[in-house]
Amino acid sequence: MTTDDNILLCKVSYNWYQVIKSHYISNGSCVTNCWYTEYEESAHASKDEDIPQASSLTLFLVEEDGHQYIIGGGYFLCHTIIDIESCWNQFGVRSGYLTYKEFLKRAKEFEGDISEPLNCYLCNGSFIFIKDNIIEIPYEFKINLDRKSRALVSANEPFGLFLKKVSLQRRVEQLSVNSNDCTWPGIYYKATMHKSRSMAAQFKALMLSIYDFKCAITGCTVGSVLSIAHIKTLYDDRYLMPDNALILRSDIQKLFSKGFITAYYDNDDTVLIRVSKHIKMDVDPMYKFLDGAKLTLPENREYWPNKEYLTWHNQVCFENWLKYGEFSLIDSFHSVR
């Protein structure tokens, strides 16, 4: 695999760090949005200045009290220009602000408004350091960004080699051996893997039998693509029960776990699927059939989805990128020196 010889440094605010970190702890790694107004971009000579190749290492930099810190990073995905409202609807708190109101307020502070687009630098597989892993940039290597919001550093020169080595070492410390994409999966998922690993095969066999070896929505019977969708993801043994799970085709299970779809009782005998309006049906028409789809439920009502758990999924998991994480861990940079 070929990668760029440069590291992208994106300047972010202390507030951005706190929000992204809290979301990361509760929900795990995701696509993260470093965004800037047209006013901020004007400090760069051109739109293409300081934009690396896709998959290049990207590090998030915070300036606080004259010091500079690397608080996490990811792998550069792309640069996109998008209007403010669409940006919030697509990335929500992954843009570093708790509410759309606060997001818009920050944009206005940097001469942005609802009619002007934002420049978004997206990172995949983001990792956010907890307090003990934050990297303080040595004073002699301090980066003079002037009014710029980002910069490229050569990955082959001493400072770049230092940043890459230390940041990736600290990233590895936060990885979970249970994560399929080698990114830290969040405390909830990590907890359930720890609790249910020894019972996973047994529980899946039970659930497949209960749902007659079929996806509850599509009726798909290809066993290799059928997955368990946990409803209430407060993971301990009490929730590893048939009424807290569904059998879904793996792509639909992913949408369910990521909050793009949810399920609800339309009446006592019918459970329907609700799809987020932020899934662009014109772009992904294959999922259009999901909205309003009726779940095929087990014959034994004892195994039907628990109404309380579905309500929880609607309130907490559905469109979770528009909601603040369940943790609020405020770190002081002063304490890491």
C-alpha atoms as a PDB file:
ATOM      1  CA  MET A   1       0.000   0.000   0.000  1.00  0.00           C
ATOM      2  CA  THR A   2       1.344   3.418  -0.954  1.00  0.00           C
ATOM      3  CA  THR A   3       0.820   6.415   1.296  1.00  0.00           C
ATOM      4  CA  ASP A   4       1.717  10.074   1.128  1.00  0.00           C
ATOM      5  CA  ASP A   5       5.053  11.243   2.506  1.00  0.00           C
ATOM      6  CA  ASN A   6       3.301  14.024   4.395  1.00  0.00           C
ATOM      7  CA  ILE A   7       1.336  14.271   7.619  1.00  0.00           C
ATOM      8  CA  LEU A   8      -1.625  16.641   7.672  1.00  0.00           C
ATOM      9  CA  LEU A   9      -1.940  18.714  10.834  1.00  0.00           C
ATOM     10  CA  CYS A  10      -5.420  20.151  11.407  1.00  0.00           C
ATOM     11  CA  LYS A  11      -5.823  22.840  14.022  1.00  0.00           C
ATOM     12  CA  VAL A  12      -8.916  22.259  16.167  1.00  0.00           C
ATOM     13  CA  SER A  13     -10.333  23.947  19.226  1.00  0.00           C
ATOM     14  CA  TYR A  14     -10.204  22.694  22.798  1.00  0.00           C
ATOM     15  CA  ASN A  15     -14.011  22.485  22.713  1.00  0.00           C
ATOM     16  CA  TRP A  16     -13.818  20.354  19.533  1.00  0.00           C
ATOM     17  CA  TYR A  17     -11.471  17.980  21.324  1.00  0.00           C
ATOM     18  CA  GLN A  18     -13.743  17.565  24.343  1.00  0.00           C
ATOM     19  CA  VAL A  19     -16.840  16.851  22.260  1.00  0.00           C
ATOM     20  CA  ILE A  20     -15.090  14.472  19.859  1.00  0.00           C
ATOM     21  CA  LYS A  21     -13.425  12.658  22.760  1.00  0.00           C
ATOM     22  CA  SER A  22     -16.683  12.105  24.605  1.00  0.00           C
ATOM     23  CA  HIS A  23     -18.348  10.836  21.429  1.00  0.00           C
ATOM     24  CA  TYR A  24     -15.345   8.580  20.785  1.00  0.00           C
ATOM     25  CA  ILE A  25     -15.468   7.018  24.251  1.00  0.00           C
ATOM     26  CA  SER A  26     -19.154   6.186  23.983  1.00  0.00           C
ATOM     27  CA  ASN A  27     -19.431   5.353  20.271  1.00  0.00           C
ATOM     28  CA  GLY A  28     -15.940   4.444  19.126  1.00  0.00           C
ATOM     29  CA  SER A  29     -14.074   5.398  15.990  1.00  0.00           C
ATOM     30  CA  CYS A  30     -15.850   7.039  13.080  1.00  0.00           C
ATOM     31  CA  VAL A  31     -15.420   9.604  10.320  1.00  0.00           C
ATOM     32  CA  THR A  32     -14.430  12.876  11.998  1.00  0.00           C
ATOM     33  CA  ASN A  33     -14.897  16.333  10.521  1.00  0.00           C
ATOM     34  CA  CYS A  34     -12.308  19.122  10.798  1.00  0.00           C
ATOM     35  CA  TRP A  35     -14.065  22.087   9.236  1.00  0.00           C
ATOM     36  CA  TYR A  36     -13.261  25.693   8.450  1.00  0.00           C
ATOM     37  CA  THR A  37     -15.131  28.695   7.118  1.00  0.00           C
ATOM     38  CA  GLU A  38     -14.236  30.485   3.903  1.00  0.00           C
ATOM     39  CA  TYR A  39     -12.644  33.209   6.042  1.00  0.00           C
ATOM     40  CA  GLU A  40     -10.314  30.688   7.669  1.00  0.00           C
ATOM     41  CA  GLU A  41      -9.506  29.142   4.305  1.00  0.00           C
ATOM     42  CA  SER A  42      -8.488  32.543   2.919  1.00  0.00           C
ATOM     43  CA  ALA A  43      -5.179  32.279   4.764  1.00  0.00           C
ATOM     44  CA  HIS A  44      -4.198  29.500   2.351  1.00  0.00           C
ATOM     45  CA  ALA A  45      -2.946  30.404  -1.106  1.00  0.00           C
ATOM     46  CA  SER A  46      -5.318  28.005  -2.853  1.00  0.00           C
ATOM     47  CA  LYS A  47      -8.006  25.424  -2.144  1.00  0.00           C
ATOM     48  CA  ASP A  48      -5.527  22.644  -2.878  1.00  0.00           C
ATOM     49  CA  GLU A  49      -2.778  23.902  -0.582  1.00  0.00           C
ATOM     50  CA  ASP A  50      -1.854  21.497   2.229  1.00  0.00           C
ATOM     51  CA  ILE A  51      -4.192  18.731   1.066  1.00  0.00           C
ATOM     52  CA  PRO A  52      -2.486  15.315   1.186  1.00  0.00           C
ATOM     53  CA  GLN A  53      -3.239  12.085  -0.608  1.00  0.00           C
ATOM     54  CA  ALA A  54      -6.090   9.933   0.661  1.00  0.00           C
ATOM     55  CA  SER A  55      -5.084   7.615   3.543  1.00  0.00           C
ATOM     56  CA  SER A  56      -2.330   9.971   4.742  1.00  0.00           C
ATOM     57  CA  LEU A  57      -1.892  10.231   8.485  1.00  0.00           C
ATOM     58  CA  THR A  58      -3.763  13.230   9.874  1.00  0.00           C
ATOM     59  CA  LEU A  59      -3.202  14.619  13.365  1.00  0.00           C
ATOM     60  CA  PHE A  60      -5.421  17.002  15.327  1.00  0.00           C
ATOM     61  CA  LEU A  61      -3.598  19.914  16.965  1.00  0.00           C
ATOM     62  CA  VAL A  62      -4.841  22.089  19.817  1.00  0.00           C
ATOM     63  CA  GLU A  63      -3.169  25.326  20.930  1.00  0.00           C
ATOM     64  CA  GLU A  64      -3.672  26.178  24.591  1.00  0.00           C
ATOM     65  CA  ASP A  65      -1.840  28.799  26.702  1.00  0.00           C
ATOM     66  CA  GLY A  66       1.064  29.013  24.284  1.00  0.00           C
ATOM     67  CA  HIS A  67       1.509  25.247  24.073  1.00  0.00           C
ATOM     68  CA  GLN A  68       0.630  22.881  21.232  1.00  0.00           C
ATOM     69  CA  TYR A  69      -0.771  19.386  21.704  1.00  0.00           C
ATOM     70  CA  ILE A  70      -1.558  16.442  19.447  1.00  0.00           C
ATOM     71  CA  ILE A  71      -4.852  15.132  20.788  1.00  0.00           C
ATOM     72  CA  GLY A  72      -5.557  12.404  18.240  1.00  0.00           C
ATOM     73  CA  GLY A  73      -5.751  11.768  14.538  1.00  0.00           C
ATOM     74  CA  GLY A  74      -6.964   9.547  11.771  1.00  0.00           C
ATOM     75  CA  TYR A  75      -6.424   8.854   8.087  1.00  0.00           C
ATOM     76  CA  PHE A  76      -7.273  11.490   5.522  1.00  0.00           C
ATOM     77  CA  LEU A  77     -10.382  10.624   3.576  1.00  0.00           C
ATOM     78  CA  CYS A  78     -11.161  13.673   1.469  1.00  0.00           C
ATOM     79  CA  HIS A  79     -11.738  17.402   1.310  1.00  0.00           C
ATOM     80  CA  THR A  80     -15.323  18.367   0.613  1.00  0.00           C
ATOM     81  CA  ILE A  81     -17.225  21.643   0.466  1.00  0.00           C
ATOM     82  CA  ILE A  82     -20.692  21.517   1.966  1.00  0.00           C
ATOM     83  CA  ASP A  83     -23.270  23.993   3.228  1.00  0.00           C
ATOM     84  CA  ILE A  84     -23.620  24.497   6.986  1.00  0.00           C
ATOM     85  CA  GLU A  85     -26.992  22.813   7.464  1.00  0.00           C
ATOM     86  CA  SER A  86     -26.060  19.763   5.392  1.00  0.00           C
ATOM     87  CA  CYS A  87     -22.764  19.530   7.237  1.00  0.00           C
ATOM     88  CA  TRP A  88     -24.536  19.314  10.584  1.00  0.00           C
ATOM     89  CA  ASN A  89     -27.110  16.822   9.310  1.00  0.00           C
ATOM     90  CA  GLN A  90     -24.376  14.580   7.940  1.00  0.00           C
ATOM     91  CA  PHE A  91     -21.818  14.752  10.757  1.00  0.00           C
ATOM     92  CA  GLY A  92     -23.594  16.242  13.787  1.00  0.00           C
ATOM     93  CA  VAL A  93     -21.461  16.113  16.943  1.00  0.00           C
ATOM     94  CA  ARG A  94     -18.659  14.543  14.909  1.00  0.00           C
ATOM     95  CA  SER A  95     -18.002  18.134  13.844  1.00  0.00           C
ATOM     96  CA  GLY A  96     -17.044  18.973  17.423  1.00  0.00           C
ATOM     97  CA  TYR A  97     -20.092  20.839  18.750  1.00  0.00           C
ATOM     98  CA  LEU A  98     -22.955  19.720  20.989  1.00  0.00           C
ATOM     99  CA  THR A  99     -25.856  21.285  19.129  1.00  0.00           C
ATOM    100  CA  TYR A 100     -26.597  22.832  15.770  1.00  0.00           C
ATOM    101  CA  LYS A 101     -26.989  26.194  17.540  1.00  0.00           C
ATOM    102  CA  GLU A 102     -23.461  26.038  18.973  1.00  0.00           C
ATOM    103  CA  PHE A 103     -22.100  24.747  15.662  1.00  0.00           C
ATOM    104  CA  LEU A 104     -23.641  27.697  13.827  1.00  0.00           C
ATOM    105  CA  LYS A 105     -22.419  30.143  16.501  1.00  0.00           C
ATOM    106  CA  ARG A 106     -18.827  29.001  16.023  1.00  0.00           C
ATOM    107  CA  ALA A 107     -19.130  29.383  12.246  1.00  0.00           C
ATOM    108  CA  LYS A 108     -20.423  32.939  12.656  1.00  0.00           C
ATOM    109  CA  GLU A 109     -17.491  33.788  14.945  1.00  0.00           C
ATOM    110  CA  PHE A 110     -15.247  33.069  11.960  1.00  0.00           C
ATOM    111  CA  GLU A 111     -17.362  35.086   9.528  1.00  0.00           C
ATOM    112  CA  GLY A 112     -19.357  32.138   8.236  1.00  0.00           C
ATOM    113  CA  ASP A 113     -23.092  32.179   7.681  1.00  0.00           C
ATOM    114  CA  ILE A 114     -25.854  29.858   6.569  1.00  0.00           C
ATOM    115  CA  SER A 115     -25.371  30.839   2.912  1.00  0.00           C
ATOM    116  CA  GLU A 116     -21.640  30.120   2.799  1.00  0.00           C
ATOM    117  CA  PRO A 117     -20.162  26.622   2.459  1.00  0.00           C
ATOM    118  CA  LEU A 118     -17.741  25.030   4.888  1.00  0.00           C
ATOM    119  CA  ASN A 119     -14.491  23.338   3.944  1.00  0.00           C
ATOM    120  CA  CYS A 120     -14.490  19.903   5.575  1.00  0.00           C
ATOM    121  CA  TYR A 121     -11.403  17.739   5.956  1.00  0.00           C
ATOM    122  CA  LEU A 122     -12.668  14.266   6.749  1.00  0.00           C
ATOM    123  CA  CYS A 123     -10.692  11.592   8.555  1.00  0.00           C
ATOM    124  CA  ASN A 124     -11.523   7.906   8.694  1.00  0.00           C
ATOM    125  CA  GLY A 125     -10.633   5.607  11.603  1.00  0.00           C
ATOM    126  CA  SER A 126     -10.194   8.538  13.968  1.00  0.00           C
ATOM    127  CA  PHE A 127      -8.485   8.001  17.303  1.00  0.00           C
ATOM    128  CA  ILE A 128      -8.735  10.483  20.164  1.00  0.00           C
ATOM    129  CA  PHE A 129      -6.232  10.429  22.986  1.00  0.00           C
ATOM    130  CA  ILE A 130      -7.253  10.349  26.597  1.00  0.00           C
ATOM    131  CA  LYS A 131      -5.377  12.675  28.934  1.00  0.00           C
ATOM    132  CA  ASP A 132      -2.384  10.407  29.579  1.00  0.00           C
ATOM    133  CA  ASN A 133      -1.712   9.908  25.861  1.00  0.00           C
ATOM    134  CA  ILE A 134      -1.824  13.531  24.696  1.00  0.00           C
ATOM    135  CA  ILE A 135       1.432  14.558  22.981  1.00  0.00           C
ATOM    136  CA  GLU A 136       2.874  17.970  23.797  1.00  0.00           C
ATOM    137  CA  ILE A 137       4.915  19.311  20.900  1.00  0.00           C
ATOM    138  CA  PRO A 138       8.408  20.324  22.101  1.00  0.00           C
ATOM    139  CA  TYR A 139       8.896  24.081  22.078  1.00  0.00           C
ATOM    140  CA  GLU A 140      11.754  23.903  19.552  1.00  0.00           C
ATOM    141  CA  PHE A 141       9.398  22.167  17.086  1.00  0.00           C
ATOM    142  CA  LYS A 142       6.446  24.473  17.671  1.00  0.00           C
ATOM    143  CA  ILE A 143       4.522  25.021  14.432  1.00  0.00           C
ATOM    144  CA  ASN A 144       3.862  28.577  13.319  1.00  0.00           C
ATOM    145  CA  LEU A 145       0.454  28.319  11.685  1.00  0.00           C
ATOM    146  CA  ASP A 146      -0.001  32.087  11.567  1.00  0.00           C
ATOM    147  CA  ARG A 147      -3.660  32.386  10.503  1.00  0.00           C
ATOM    148  CA  LYS A 148      -3.666  29.005   8.812  1.00  0.00           C
ATOM    149  CA  SER A 149      -5.795  26.151  10.087  1.00  0.00           C
ATOM    150  CA  ARG A 150      -3.723  23.298   8.721  1.00  0.00           C
ATOM    151  CA  ALA A 151      -0.234  22.418   7.559  1.00  0.00           C
ATOM    152  CA  LEU A 152       1.733  19.578   6.012  1.00  0.00           C
ATOM    153  CA  VAL A 153       4.752  18.078   7.739  1.00  0.00           C
ATOM    154  CA  SER A 154       7.140  15.732   5.980  1.00  0.00           C
ATOM    155  CA  ALA A 155       6.865  12.241   7.414  1.00  0.00           C
ATOM    156  CA  ASN A 156      10.488  11.591   6.444  1.00  0.00           C
ATOM    157  CA  GLU A 157      12.107  14.403   8.423  1.00  0.00           C
ATOM    158  CA  PRO A 158      12.950  14.220  12.162  1.00  0.00           C
ATOM    159  CA  PHE A 159       9.892  16.074  13.438  1.00  0.00           C
ATOM    160  CA  GLY A 160       7.519  14.132  11.174  1.00  0.00           C
ATOM    161  CA  LEU A 161       9.157  10.834  12.134  1.00  0.00           C
ATOM    162  CA  PHE A 162       8.711  11.744  15.798  1.00  0.00           C
ATOM    163  CA  LEU A 163       5.032  12.656  15.377  1.00  0.00           C
ATOM    164  CA  LYS A 164       4.255   9.523  13.386  1.00  0.00           C
ATOM    165  CA  LYS A 165       6.062   7.143  15.714  1.00  0.00           C
ATOM    166  CA  VAL A 166       4.673   8.497  18.974  1.00  0.00           C
ATOM    167  CA  SER A 167       1.105   9.098  17.788  1.00  0.00           C
ATOM    168  CA  LEU A 168       0.766   5.645  16.228  1.00  0.00           C
ATOM    169  CA  GLN A 169       2.286   3.981  19.287  1.00  0.00           C
ATOM    170  CA  ARG A 170      -0.304   5.681  21.473  1.00  0.00           C
ATOM    171  CA  ARG A 171      -3.038   4.799  19.005  1.00  0.00           C
ATOM    172  CA  VAL A 172      -2.103   1.129  19.304  1.00  0.00           C
ATOM    173  CA  GLU A 173      -2.504   1.349  23.081  1.00  0.00           C
ATOM    174  CA  GLN A 174      -6.172   2.195  22.521  1.00  0.00           C
ATOM    175  CA  LEU A 175      -6.952  -0.532  20.023  1.00  0.00           C
ATOM    176  CA  SER A 176      -9.102  -3.522  20.890  1.00  0.00           C
ATOM    177  CA  VAL A 177      -8.273  -6.998  19.653  1.00  0.00           C
ATOM    178  CA  ASN A 178     -12.028  -7.420  19.085  1.00  0.00           C
ATOM    179  CA  SER A 179     -12.333  -4.599  16.576  1.00  0.00           C
ATOM    180  CA  ASN A 180     -12.760  -5.724  12.972  1.00  0.00           C
ATOM    181  CA  ASP A 181     -11.425  -2.492  11.491  1.00  0.00           C
ATOM    182  CA  CYS A 182      -8.527  -2.020  13.909  1.00  0.00           C
ATOM    183  CA  THR A 183     -10.019   1.043  15.531  1.00  0.00           C
ATOM    184  CA  TRP A 184     -11.015   1.419  19.135  1.00  0.00           C
ATOM    185  CA  PRO A 185     -14.713   0.485  19.170  1.00  0.00           C
ATOM    186  CA  GLY A 186     -16.025   2.427  22.155  1.00  0.00           C
ATOM    187  CA  ILE A 187     -16.540   1.447  25.740  1.00  0.00           C
ATOM    188  CA  TYR A 188     -20.022  -0.052  25.248  1.00  0.00           C
ATOM    189  CA  TYR A 189     -18.979  -2.355  22.437  1.00  0.00           C
ATOM    190  CA  LYS A 190     -15.771  -3.276  24.218  1.00  0.00           C
ATOM    191  CA  ALA A 191     -17.758  -4.192  27.319  1.00  0.00           C
ATOM    192  CA  THR A 192     -20.185  -6.410  25.468  1.00  0.00           C
ATOM    193  CA  MET A 193     -17.386  -8.270  23.713  1.00  0.00           C
ATOM    194  CA  HIS A 194     -15.770  -8.904  27.074  1.00  0.00           C
ATOM    195  CA  LYS A 195     -19.017 -10.098  28.616  1.00  0.00           C
ATOM    196  CA  SER A 196     -20.463 -12.117  25.777  1.00  0.00           C
ATOM    197  CA  ARG A 197     -17.469 -13.551  23.925  1.00  0.00           C
ATOM    198  CA  SER A 198     -17.766 -16.959  25.557  1.00  0.00           C
ATOM    199  CA  MET A 199     -21.510 -17.040  24.892  1.00  0.00           C
ATOM    200  CA  ALA A 200     -21.561 -15.486  21.416  1.00  0.00           C
ATOM    201  CA  ALA A 201     -21.749 -18.702  19.397  1.00  0.00           C
ATOM    202  CA  GLN A 202     -24.417 -20.176  21.653  1.00  0.00           C
ATOM    203  CA  PHE A 203     -26.504 -17.010  21.607  1.00  0.00           C
ATOM    204  CA  LYS A 204     -26.298 -16.655  17.823  1.00  0.00           C
ATOM    205  CA  ALA A 205     -27.392 -20.268  17.374  1.00  0.00           C
ATOM    206  CA  LEU A 206     -30.381 -19.589  19.626  1.00  0.00           C
ATOM    207  CA  MET A 207     -31.325 -16.388  17.790  1.00  0.00           C
ATOM    208  CA  LEU A 208     -31.020 -17.973  14.348  1.00  0.00           C
ATOM    209  CA  SER A 209     -33.342 -20.745  15.476  1.00  0.00           C
ATOM    210  CA  ILE A 210     -35.852 -18.268  16.960  1.00  0.00           C
ATOM    211  CA  TYR A 211     -35.961 -16.269  13.707  1.00  0.00           C
ATOM    212  CA  ASP A 212     -36.117 -19.399  11.546  1.00  0.00           C
ATOM    213  CA  PHE A 213     -32.674 -18.687  10.065  1.00  0.00           C
ATOM    214  CA  LYS A 214     -33.986 -15.601   8.247  1.00  0.00           C
ATOM    215  CA  CYS A 215     -33.422 -11.851   8.322  1.00  0.00           C
ATOM    216  CA  ALA A 216     -36.409 -10.354  10.129  1.00  0.00           C
ATOM    217  CA  ILE A 217     -36.783  -7.704   7.400  1.00  0.00           C
ATOM    218  CA  THR A 218     -35.685  -9.156   4.076  1.00  0.00           C
ATOM    219  CA  GLY A 219     -36.235 -12.864   4.690  1.00  0.00           C
ATOM    220  CA  CYS A 220     -32.642 -13.520   3.535  1.00  0.00           C
ATOM    221  CA  THR A 221     -31.601 -17.083   4.435  1.00  0.00           C
ATOM    222  CA  VAL A 222     -27.877 -16.905   3.530  1.00  0.00           C
ATOM    223  CA  GLY A 223     -26.414 -17.831   6.880  1.00  0.00           C
ATOM    224  CA  SER A 224     -23.017 -16.223   6.321  1.00  0.00           C
ATOM    225  CA  VAL A 225     -24.559 -12.731   6.069  1.00  0.00           C
ATOM    226  CA  LEU A 226     -26.979 -12.994   9.001  1.00  0.00           C
ATOM    227  CA  SER A 227     -25.984 -11.096  12.130  1.00  0.00           C
ATOM    228  CA  ILE A 228     -27.308 -10.341  15.576  1.00  0.00           C
ATOM    229  CA  ALA A 229     -28.524  -6.774  16.068  1.00  0.00           C
ATOM    230  CA  HIS A 230     -28.484  -5.892  19.766  1.00  0.00           C
ATOM    231  CA  ILE A 231     -31.195  -3.391  20.681  1.00  0.00           C
ATOM    232  CA  LYS A 232     -30.247  -1.980  24.077  1.00  0.00           C
ATOM    233  CA  THR A 233     -26.486  -1.812  24.118  1.00  0.00           C
ATOM    234  CA  LEU A 234     -25.928  -1.610  27.858  1.00  0.00           C
ATOM    235  CA  TYR A 235     -23.797  -4.655  27.831  1.00  0.00           C
ATOM    236  CA  ASP A 236     -23.892  -7.110  30.639  1.00  0.00           C
ATOM    237  CA  ASP A 237     -25.323 -10.590  30.915  1.00  0.00           C
ATOM    238  CA  ARG A 238     -28.820  -9.319  31.770  1.00  0.00           C
ATOM    239  CA  TYR A 239     -29.222  -7.950  28.247  1.00  0.00           C
ATOM    240  CA  LEU A 240     -27.980 -11.018  26.404  1.00  0.00           C
ATOM    241  CA  MET A 241     -31.563 -12.169  25.938  1.00  0.00           C
ATOM    242  CA  PRO A 242     -33.693 -12.922  22.844  1.00  0.00           C
ATOM    243  CA  ASP A 243     -36.020  -9.969  23.494  1.00  0.00           C
ATOM    244  CA  ASN A 244     -33.012  -7.641  23.205  1.00  0.00           C
ATOM    245  CA  ALA A 245     -31.868  -8.830  19.787  1.00  0.00           C
ATOM    246  CA  LEU A 246     -32.907  -9.304  16.179  1.00  0.00           C
ATOM    247  CA  ILE A 247     -31.527 -11.321  13.286  1.00  0.00           C
ATOM    248  CA  LEU A 248     -30.776  -8.991  10.370  1.00  0.00           C
ATOM    249  CA  ARG A 249     -28.792  -9.144   7.161  1.00  0.00           C
ATOM    250  CA  SER A 250     -25.320  -7.850   8.005  1.00  0.00           C
ATOM    251  CA  ASP A 251     -25.558  -4.577   6.057  1.00  0.00           C
ATOM    252  CA  ILE A 252     -28.900  -3.761   7.673  1.00  0.00           C
ATOM    253  CA  GLN A 253     -27.563  -4.802  11.085  1.00  0.00           C
ATOM    254  CA  LYS A 254     -24.762  -2.267  10.566  1.00  0.00           C
ATOM    255  CA  LEU A 255     -27.283   0.489   9.799  1.00  0.00           C
ATOM    256  CA  PHE A 256     -29.219  -0.475  12.938  1.00  0.00           C
ATOM    257  CA  SER A 257     -26.149  -0.437  15.185  1.00  0.00           C
ATOM    258  CA  LYS A 258     -24.921   2.876  13.717  1.00  0.00           C
ATOM    259  CA  GLY A 259     -28.268   4.593  14.292  1.00  0.00           C
ATOM    260  CA  PHE A 260     -29.355   5.023  10.674  1.00  0.00           C
ATOM    261  CA  ILE A 261     -32.438   2.883  11.255  1.00  0.00           C
ATOM    262  CA  THR A 262     -34.496   1.901  14.276  1.00  0.00           C
ATOM    263  CA  ALA A 263     -37.626  -0.103  15.011  1.00  0.00           C
ATOM    264  CA  TYR A 264     -40.815   0.693  16.909  1.00  0.00           C
ATOM    265  CA  TYR A 265     -44.145  -0.843  17.822  1.00  0.00           C
ATOM    266  CA  ASP A 266     -46.824   0.534  15.540  1.00  0.00           C
ATOM    267  CA  ASN A 267     -49.374  -1.398  17.575  1.00  0.00           C
ATOM    268  CA  ASP A 268     -49.262  -4.370  19.942  1.00  0.00           C
ATOM    269  CA  ASP A 269     -48.771  -6.824  17.087  1.00  0.00           C
ATOM    270  CA  THR A 270     -46.652  -4.894  14.583  1.00  0.00           C
ATOM    271  CA  VAL A 271     -43.046  -3.688  14.661  1.00  0.00           C
ATOM    272  CA  LEU A 272     -41.985  -1.322  11.871  1.00  0.00           C
ATOM    273  CA  ILE A 273     -38.652   0.081  10.706  1.00  0.00           C
ATOM    274  CA  ARG A 274     -37.919   3.807  10.688  1.00  0.00           C
ATOM    275  CA  VAL A 275     -35.127   5.138   8.464  1.00  0.00           C
ATOM    276  CA  SER A 276     -33.236   8.345   9.137  1.00  0.00           C
ATOM    277  CA  LYS A 277     -34.089  11.063   6.658  1.00  0.00           C
ATOM    278  CA  HIS A 278     -30.362  11.686   6.422  1.00  0.00           C
ATOM    279  CA  ILE A 279     -29.835   8.515   4.415  1.00  0.00           C
ATOM    280  CA  LYS A 280     -29.936   9.882   0.887  1.00  0.00           C
ATOM    281  CA  MET A 281     -32.456   7.589  -0.756  1.00  0.00           C
ATOM    282  CA  ASP A 282     -31.677   8.998  -4.188  1.00  0.00           C
ATOM    283  CA  VAL A 283     -28.044   7.961  -3.687  1.00  0.00           C
ATOM    284  CA  ASP A 284     -28.764   4.649  -1.931  1.00  0.00           C
ATOM    285  CA  PRO A 285     -32.121   3.553  -3.416  1.00  0.00           C
ATOM    286  CA  MET A 286     -31.543  -0.065  -2.397  1.00  0.00           C
ATOM    287  CA  TYR A 287     -32.399   0.878   1.202  1.00  0.00           C
ATOM    288  CA  LYS A 288     -35.545   2.809   0.339  1.00  0.00           C
ATOM    289  CA  PHE A 289     -37.623  -0.306   1.027  1.00  0.00           C
ATOM    290  CA  LEU A 290     -36.563  -0.300   4.679  1.00  0.00           C
ATOM    291  CA  ASP A 291     -38.683   2.667   5.777  1.00  0.00           C
ATOM    292  CA  GLY A 292     -41.972   1.326   7.074  1.00  0.00           C
ATOM    293  CA  ALA A 293     -40.921  -2.283   6.548  1.00  0.00           C
ATOM    294  CA  LYS A 294     -42.607  -4.758   8.879  1.00  0.00           C
ATOM    295  CA  LEU A 295     -40.521  -7.130  10.950  1.00  0.00           C
ATOM    296  CA  THR A 296     -41.294 -10.817  10.719  1.00  0.00           C
ATOM    297  CA  LEU A 297     -41.432 -11.795  14.374  1.00  0.00           C
ATOM    298  CA  PRO A 298     -40.994 -15.187  16.076  1.00  0.00           C
ATOM    299  CA  GLU A 299     -44.056 -17.335  16.714  1.00  0.00           C
ATOM    300  CA  ASN A 300     -43.385 -17.222  20.441  1.00  0.00           C
ATOM    301  CA  ARG A 301     -44.265 -13.711  21.679  1.00  0.00           C
ATOM    302  CA  GLU A 302     -41.877 -14.203  24.584  1.00  0.00           C
ATOM    303  CA  TYR A 303     -39.055 -13.614  22.093  1.00  0.00           C
ATOM    304  CA  TRP A 304     -40.507 -10.495  20.511  1.00  0.00           C
ATOM    305  CA  PRO A 305     -38.459  -7.301  20.891  1.00  0.00           C
ATOM    306  CA  ASN A 306     -38.904  -5.673  24.277  1.00  0.00           C
ATOM    307  CA  LYS A 307     -40.892  -2.414  23.881  1.00  0.00           C
ATOM    308  CA  GLU A 308     -38.787  -0.665  26.516  1.00  0.00           C
ATOM    309  CA  TYR A 309     -35.578  -1.606  24.695  1.00  0.00           C
ATOM    310  CA  LEU A 310     -36.907  -0.399  21.341  1.00  0.00           C
ATOM    311  CA  THR A 311     -37.887   2.910  22.944  1.00  0.00           C
ATOM    312  CA  TRP A 312     -34.341   3.197  24.293  1.00  0.00           C
ATOM    313  CA  HIS A 313     -32.913   2.518  20.832  1.00  0.00           C
ATOM    314  CA  ASN A 314     -35.153   5.221  19.325  1.00  0.00           C
ATOM    315  CA  GLN A 315     -34.130   7.779  21.935  1.00  0.00           C
ATOM    316  CA  VAL A 316     -30.418   7.013  22.306  1.00  0.00           C
ATOM    317  CA  CYS A 317     -29.131   5.132  19.252  1.00  0.00           C
ATOM    318  CA  PHE A 318     -31.241   6.442  16.385  1.00  0.00           C
ATOM    319  CA  GLU A 319     -29.415   9.309  14.617  1.00  0.00           C
ATOM    320  CA  ASN A 320     -26.815   9.208  17.380  1.00  0.00           C
ATOM    321  CA  TRP A 321     -24.389  11.400  15.425  1.00  0.00           C
ATOM    322  CA  LEU A 322     -26.784  14.301  16.073  1.00  0.00           C
ATOM    323  CA  LYS A 323     -26.672  13.648  19.811  1.00  0.00           C
ATOM    324  CA  TYR A 324     -23.928  14.197  22.334  1.00  0.00           C
ATOM    325  CA  GLY A 325     -22.135  11.142  23.737  1.00  0.00           C
ATOM    326  CA  GLU A 326     -23.118   9.745  27.112  1.00  0.00           C
ATOM    327  CA  PHE A 327     -19.765  10.605  28.669  1.00  0.00           C
ATOM    328  CA  SER A 328     -18.399  14.015  29.518  1.00  0.00           C
ATOM    329  CA  LEU A 329     -14.768  13.707  30.535  1.00  0.00           C
ATOM    330  CA  ILE A 330     -13.142  17.100  30.824  1.00  0.00           C
ATOM    331  CA  ASP A 331      -9.352  17.056  30.854  1.00  0.00           C
ATOM    332  CA  SER A 332      -7.113  19.982  31.606  1.00  0.00           C
ATOM    333  CA  PHE A 333      -4.041  20.376  29.427  1.00  0.00           C
ATOM    334  CA  HIS A 334      -2.232  21.897  32.401  1.00  0.00           C
ATOM    335  CA  SER A 335      -2.360  18.555  34.189  1.00  0.00           C
ATOM    336  CA  VAL A 336      -0.539  16.669  31.444  1.00  0.00           C
ATOM    337  CA  ARG A 337       2.682  18.681  31.609  1.00  0.00           C
END
